[in-house]
Protein backbone atom coordinates (compact mmCIF):
# COMPACT_ATOMS: atom_id res chain seq x y z
CA MET A 1 101.74 3.22 16.42
CA LYS A 2 102.53 6.66 15.00
CA TRP A 3 105.41 5.37 12.88
CA LYS A 4 103.25 2.53 11.58
CA TYR A 5 100.66 5.10 10.57
CA VAL A 6 103.27 7.20 8.76
CA LEU A 7 104.56 4.11 6.93
CA LYS A 8 101.01 3.19 5.95
CA ARG A 9 100.40 6.68 4.58
CA LEU A 10 103.65 6.57 2.63
CA LEU A 11 102.62 3.29 1.02
CA MET A 12 99.19 4.73 0.19
CA ALA A 13 100.87 7.75 -1.40
CA ILE A 14 102.71 5.62 -3.98
CA PRO A 15 99.70 4.97 -6.30
CA THR A 16 98.65 8.61 -5.91
CA PHE A 17 102.12 9.72 -6.94
CA LEU A 18 102.12 7.41 -9.96
CA GLY A 19 98.67 8.66 -10.98
CA ILE A 20 99.88 12.25 -10.88
CA THR A 21 102.89 11.49 -13.06
CA ILE A 22 100.76 9.56 -15.57
CA LEU A 23 98.24 12.38 -15.93
CA ALA A 24 100.94 15.04 -16.18
CA TYR A 25 102.98 13.13 -18.76
CA PHE A 26 100.08 12.24 -21.04
CA ILE A 27 98.44 15.68 -20.84
CA LEU A 28 101.82 17.23 -21.62
CA ASN A 29 102.14 15.11 -24.75
CA LEU A 30 98.59 15.96 -25.84
CA ALA A 31 99.46 19.66 -26.04
CA PRO A 32 100.12 20.95 -29.58
CA GLY A 33 103.72 21.38 -30.62
CA SER A 34 106.93 19.49 -30.04
CA PRO A 35 110.25 20.04 -28.26
CA LEU A 36 111.78 20.09 -31.74
CA ASP A 37 109.82 23.19 -32.76
CA ALA A 38 112.62 25.47 -31.59
CA MET A 39 115.00 23.79 -34.06
CA LEU A 40 112.68 24.56 -36.95
CA ALA A 41 113.55 28.24 -36.53
CA ASP A 42 117.10 27.41 -37.63
CA PRO A 43 117.18 27.76 -41.44
CA GLY A 44 120.21 25.45 -41.61
CA ILE A 45 118.51 22.47 -40.00
CA THR A 46 117.96 19.55 -42.36
CA PRO A 47 115.16 16.99 -42.18
CA ASP A 48 117.72 14.25 -41.56
CA GLU A 49 119.22 16.14 -38.62
CA LEU A 50 115.74 16.81 -37.24
CA GLU A 51 114.86 13.13 -37.46
CA ARG A 52 118.16 12.18 -35.82
CA ARG A 53 117.39 14.44 -32.88
CA ARG A 54 113.88 13.02 -32.64
CA VAL A 55 115.26 9.49 -32.38
CA ALA A 56 117.99 10.56 -29.95
CA LEU A 57 115.43 12.11 -27.62
CA GLY A 58 113.13 9.08 -27.90
CA LEU A 59 110.30 11.17 -29.35
CA ASP A 60 109.75 8.65 -32.13
CA GLN A 61 108.47 6.11 -29.59
CA PRO A 62 104.81 5.80 -28.48
CA VAL A 63 103.87 7.92 -25.49
CA ILE A 64 103.48 4.91 -23.19
CA VAL A 65 107.01 3.76 -24.05
CA GLN A 66 108.37 7.26 -23.43
CA TYR A 67 106.62 7.38 -20.04
CA LEU A 68 107.87 3.96 -18.93
CA SER A 69 111.40 4.91 -19.96
CA TRP A 70 111.17 8.17 -18.01
CA LEU A 71 109.68 6.37 -14.98
CA GLY A 72 112.44 3.78 -15.02
CA GLN A 73 115.07 6.51 -14.99
CA LEU A 74 113.24 8.27 -12.17
CA PHE A 75 113.31 5.15 -9.99
CA GLN A 76 117.07 5.10 -10.54
CA GLY A 77 117.33 8.68 -9.26
CA ASN A 78 117.74 10.21 -12.71
CA MET A 79 115.31 12.92 -13.81
CA GLY A 80 116.85 13.11 -17.26
CA PHE A 81 118.45 15.96 -19.14
CA SER A 82 116.95 19.24 -20.27
CA TYR A 83 116.20 19.43 -23.99
CA SER A 84 117.22 23.08 -24.19
CA THR A 85 120.33 23.24 -21.96
CA GLN A 86 121.44 19.58 -22.00
CA ARG A 87 121.97 19.85 -18.24
CA PRO A 88 120.70 17.34 -15.65
CA VAL A 89 117.18 18.28 -14.59
CA ALA A 90 117.94 17.53 -10.94
CA ASP A 91 120.80 20.05 -10.95
CA MET A 92 118.60 22.74 -12.51
CA ILE A 93 115.87 22.20 -9.91
CA LEU A 94 118.31 22.12 -6.98
CA GLU A 95 119.78 25.43 -8.14
CA ARG A 96 116.36 27.11 -8.11
CA LEU A 97 114.85 25.29 -5.12
CA PRO A 98 116.47 27.37 -2.32
CA ALA A 99 115.06 30.59 -3.77
CA THR A 100 111.50 29.26 -3.93
CA ALA A 101 111.76 27.40 -0.60
CA SER A 102 112.97 30.50 1.25
CA LEU A 103 110.25 32.64 -0.32
CA ALA A 104 107.52 30.07 0.46
CA ALA A 105 108.74 29.57 4.05
CA CYS A 106 108.79 33.31 4.74
CA SER A 107 105.34 33.61 3.18
CA ILE A 108 103.89 30.88 5.42
CA VAL A 109 105.46 32.35 8.57
CA LEU A 110 104.26 35.86 7.72
CA SER A 111 100.75 34.60 6.91
CA LEU A 112 100.51 32.74 10.22
CA LEU A 113 101.86 35.66 12.26
CA VAL A 114 99.26 37.99 10.75
CA SER A 115 96.22 35.76 10.19
CA ILE A 116 96.09 33.96 13.56
CA PRO A 117 95.96 37.13 15.72
CA LEU A 118 93.54 38.83 13.33
CA GLY A 119 91.28 35.77 13.24
CA ILE A 120 91.25 35.56 17.05
CA TYR A 121 90.63 39.29 17.32
CA ALA A 122 87.66 39.08 14.93
CA ALA A 123 86.20 36.03 16.70
CA SER A 124 86.50 37.58 20.16
CA LYS A 125 83.47 39.76 19.36
CA PRO A 126 81.41 38.18 16.55
CA ASN A 127 79.09 40.40 14.53
CA SER A 128 80.82 43.49 15.89
CA LYS A 129 82.44 46.36 14.03
CA ARG A 130 85.87 44.74 14.25
CA ASP A 131 84.44 41.49 12.86
CA TYR A 132 82.82 43.19 9.87
CA ILE A 133 85.94 45.22 9.08
CA SER A 134 88.14 42.15 9.35
CA GLY A 135 85.79 40.14 7.14
CA GLY A 136 85.64 42.85 4.48
CA ILE A 137 89.42 43.24 4.33
CA SER A 138 89.86 39.46 4.22
CA LEU A 139 87.49 39.09 1.28
CA LEU A 140 89.25 41.93 -0.54
CA MET A 141 92.63 40.28 -0.05
CA MET A 142 91.32 36.90 -1.21
CA ALA A 143 89.80 38.40 -4.38
CA THR A 144 92.82 40.46 -5.46
CA PRO A 145 95.11 38.68 -7.99
CA ASN A 146 98.77 38.33 -7.11
CA PHE A 147 100.03 39.99 -10.27
CA PHE A 148 97.93 43.10 -9.62
CA VAL A 149 99.17 43.36 -6.03
CA GLY A 150 102.73 42.91 -7.27
CA LEU A 151 102.41 45.71 -9.84
CA VAL A 152 100.87 48.04 -7.23
CA PHE A 153 103.67 47.28 -4.76
CA ILE A 154 106.35 47.89 -7.41
CA TYR A 155 104.79 51.22 -8.30
CA LEU A 156 104.47 52.35 -4.68
CA PHE A 157 107.62 51.01 -3.01
CA ALA A 158 110.07 50.92 -5.94
CA ILE A 159 109.00 53.88 -8.08
CA VAL A 160 107.16 56.36 -5.87
CA PHE A 161 108.92 55.93 -2.51
CA GLN A 162 112.04 54.14 -3.87
CA ILE A 163 112.61 52.22 -0.64
CA LEU A 164 112.66 48.68 -2.06
CA PRO A 165 114.19 47.10 -5.19
CA SER A 166 111.76 46.33 -7.99
CA GLY A 167 113.01 42.82 -8.73
CA GLY A 168 115.71 40.20 -8.56
CA MET A 169 117.13 38.31 -5.62
CA TYR A 170 120.28 40.37 -5.11
CA SER A 171 121.59 43.73 -6.25
CA SER A 172 123.34 44.01 -9.61
CA SER A 173 126.64 44.79 -7.86
CA GLY A 174 127.17 41.06 -7.35
CA VAL A 175 127.66 41.34 -3.59
CA ARG A 176 125.40 38.76 -1.91
CA THR A 177 124.57 39.64 1.70
CA PHE A 178 121.65 38.70 3.92
CA PRO A 179 120.40 42.32 4.34
CA ASP A 180 120.38 42.69 0.55
CA LEU A 181 118.47 39.40 0.20
CA ALA A 182 115.98 40.53 2.85
CA ARG A 183 115.31 43.82 1.03
CA HIS A 184 114.67 42.00 -2.24
CA MET A 185 112.43 39.44 -0.51
CA VAL A 186 110.06 41.92 1.16
CA MET A 187 107.77 42.60 -1.80
CA PRO A 188 107.62 39.04 -3.22
CA CYS A 189 106.90 37.69 0.26
CA LEU A 190 104.14 40.25 0.86
CA VAL A 191 102.55 39.53 -2.51
CA LEU A 192 102.70 35.75 -2.06
CA SER A 193 101.17 36.11 1.42
CA PHE A 194 98.45 38.55 0.41
CA GLN A 195 95.72 36.09 -0.62
CA GLN A 196 96.80 33.54 2.01
CA ILE A 197 96.34 36.02 4.85
CA GLY A 198 92.83 36.83 3.68
CA GLY A 199 91.82 33.18 3.54
CA TRP A 200 93.54 32.10 6.72
CA VAL A 201 91.96 34.93 8.74
CA ARG A 202 88.52 33.64 7.72
CA HIS A 203 89.43 30.05 8.64
CA MET A 204 90.89 31.09 11.98
CA ARG A 205 87.81 33.15 12.82
CA SER A 206 85.40 30.34 11.94
CA SER A 207 87.42 27.74 13.84
CA MET A 208 87.70 29.94 16.93
CA LEU A 209 83.97 30.69 16.93
CA GLU A 210 83.20 26.97 16.79
CA VAL A 211 85.61 26.17 19.63
CA MET A 212 84.24 28.95 21.83
CA GLN A 213 80.85 27.17 21.86
CA GLU A 214 82.29 24.00 23.42
CA ASP A 215 81.37 22.92 26.96
CA TYR A 216 84.91 23.11 28.32
CA ILE A 217 85.08 26.77 27.25
CA ARG A 218 81.88 27.50 29.16
CA THR A 219 83.33 25.69 32.18
CA ALA A 220 86.48 27.79 32.03
CA ARG A 221 84.39 30.94 31.86
CA SER A 222 82.26 29.86 34.80
CA LYS A 223 85.43 29.55 36.90
CA GLY A 224 85.97 33.26 36.51
CA LEU A 225 88.84 33.22 33.99
CA LYS A 226 89.22 36.30 31.85
CA ARG A 227 88.10 36.16 28.24
CA TRP A 228 91.59 36.34 26.71
CA ALA A 229 92.90 33.74 29.16
CA VAL A 230 90.12 31.37 28.07
CA ILE A 231 90.91 32.01 24.40
CA PHE A 232 94.66 31.48 24.57
CA ARG A 233 94.85 28.78 27.25
CA HIS A 234 91.87 26.62 26.27
CA GLY A 235 90.57 27.60 22.84
CA LEU A 236 93.58 28.38 20.66
CA LYS A 237 95.13 24.90 20.57
CA ASN A 238 91.96 23.19 19.32
CA ALA A 239 91.12 26.07 17.00
CA LEU A 240 94.45 25.62 15.22
CA ILE A 241 93.59 22.11 13.99
CA PRO A 242 91.50 23.20 10.96
CA VAL A 243 94.02 25.94 10.23
CA ILE A 244 96.78 23.32 10.02
CA THR A 245 94.76 21.60 7.30
CA VAL A 246 94.63 24.84 5.33
CA VAL A 247 98.36 25.39 5.77
CA GLY A 248 99.14 21.84 4.69
CA MET A 249 96.99 22.18 1.59
CA SER A 250 98.51 25.56 0.68
CA ILE A 251 101.58 23.99 -0.94
CA PRO A 252 100.02 23.78 -4.45
CA SER A 253 98.68 27.33 -4.20
CA LEU A 254 102.09 28.52 -3.00
CA VAL A 255 103.74 27.03 -6.07
CA GLY A 256 101.03 28.43 -8.34
CA GLY A 257 101.38 31.84 -6.73
CA ALA A 258 105.16 31.59 -6.95
CA VAL A 259 104.92 31.19 -10.74
CA VAL A 260 103.21 34.57 -11.02
CA THR A 261 105.16 36.27 -8.23
CA GLU A 262 108.54 35.13 -9.50
CA GLN A 263 107.73 36.33 -12.99
CA VAL A 264 106.62 39.76 -11.76
CA PHE A 265 109.68 40.28 -9.54
CA GLY A 266 112.25 38.34 -11.57
CA TRP A 267 112.80 35.93 -8.67
CA PRO A 268 115.05 33.05 -9.83
CA GLY A 269 113.02 30.18 -8.41
CA ILE A 270 111.11 27.08 -9.45
CA GLY A 271 108.17 29.13 -10.75
CA SER A 272 110.22 31.05 -13.30
CA LEU A 273 111.98 27.82 -14.31
CA MET A 274 108.60 26.19 -14.92
CA VAL A 275 107.49 29.06 -17.17
CA THR A 276 110.71 28.86 -19.17
CA ALA A 277 110.36 25.07 -19.52
CA ILE A 278 106.74 25.34 -20.69
CA GLU A 279 107.63 27.97 -23.27
CA GLY A 280 110.45 25.78 -24.58
CA ARG A 281 108.48 22.51 -24.45
CA ASP A 282 111.18 21.11 -22.18
CA TYR A 283 109.37 17.93 -21.06
CA PRO A 284 112.03 16.57 -18.65
CA VAL A 285 112.20 19.85 -16.72
CA ILE A 286 108.40 20.13 -16.54
CA MET A 287 108.08 16.55 -15.29
CA GLY A 288 110.91 17.03 -12.82
CA ILE A 289 109.17 20.03 -11.27
CA THR A 290 105.86 18.13 -11.28
CA VAL A 291 107.49 15.25 -9.38
CA MET A 292 108.94 17.65 -6.82
CA ILE A 293 105.60 19.42 -6.26
CA ALA A 294 103.68 16.12 -6.02
CA ALA A 295 106.14 14.75 -3.45
CA ALA A 296 105.96 17.99 -1.44
CA VAL A 297 102.15 17.96 -1.39
CA LEU A 298 101.93 14.29 -0.36
CA LEU A 299 104.53 14.78 2.36
CA ALA A 300 102.74 17.90 3.62
CA ASN A 301 99.49 15.92 3.91
CA ILE A 302 101.19 13.24 6.01
CA LEU A 303 102.84 15.82 8.28
CA THR A 304 99.48 17.57 8.67
CA ASP A 305 97.82 14.36 9.86
CA VAL A 306 100.64 13.75 12.33
CA ALA A 307 100.31 17.31 13.63
CA TYR A 308 96.64 16.62 14.43
CA GLY A 309 97.65 14.11 17.06
CA LEU A 310 100.17 16.51 18.60
CA LEU A 311 97.52 19.19 19.02
CA ASP A 312 94.64 16.92 20.04
CA PRO A 313 95.49 13.78 22.10
CA ARG A 314 91.99 12.43 21.41
CA ILE A 315 93.04 11.69 17.83
CA SER A 316 94.48 8.18 17.54
CA TYR A 317 96.57 6.66 14.74
CA LYS A 318 95.37 3.37 13.33
């Protein structure tokens, strides 16, 4: 039954995916400017050459024709070629994907390791001093922009204390080792996790407080179990279900945060590639990244629903 449910969700995701690509493509073409604008800076470009390039790129066709042509190529596994570099879009994305994926994975793990214990700790004594302090710090973390946190971290750890590199993925020496990668990843990972930790602590606290009011928790307490034993043995598993939803829906915010974080720290990932593509009006690259993000979000939603059933046997798949 579970595999039938997954297949059903995959089929339902197809029209959603197509809707995302339609909106992205048409909104992209509504923006002022053209991919040919960069050529206008060349004083030697002639109108005939400009028109030839327009026809070669298919920009002389109506938008609907351009979209259908792009969609047909996508179904054949071809994301097209970059207007600026003339390289396959898929190759450009695959080159940058490991950097963003490793940064996002480390950010999620760090956020979970910090937010779950802090949320449980705050919920263990509601309306206490620890709860108010945790809530205040969480709100501060949620309200602080990533770029500001990144600049503060660079000033403190790279300039004042000089214990971490200020940017890049590896040192300029060209030697690529895991310890060097870990040192360069510390600050981007902390910055990308900063707002997530604040939000996830609040969700974990609220979920734990709700679970602790259930009848089976009162029964466990009446049997004489210690408070922390009740929390971890009986309450934690059910309290994690809403948190899983938050984690699953954090993929878009991770990508959005990665755009800022990668720019601040010079991290060679998908976010910095997206900024470069937007500045250069490189439609195929922008659409390729949009397709990747849309697929990741839809897949994360399906995996989140499946994880519900693993945590709570009462949830059935139909």
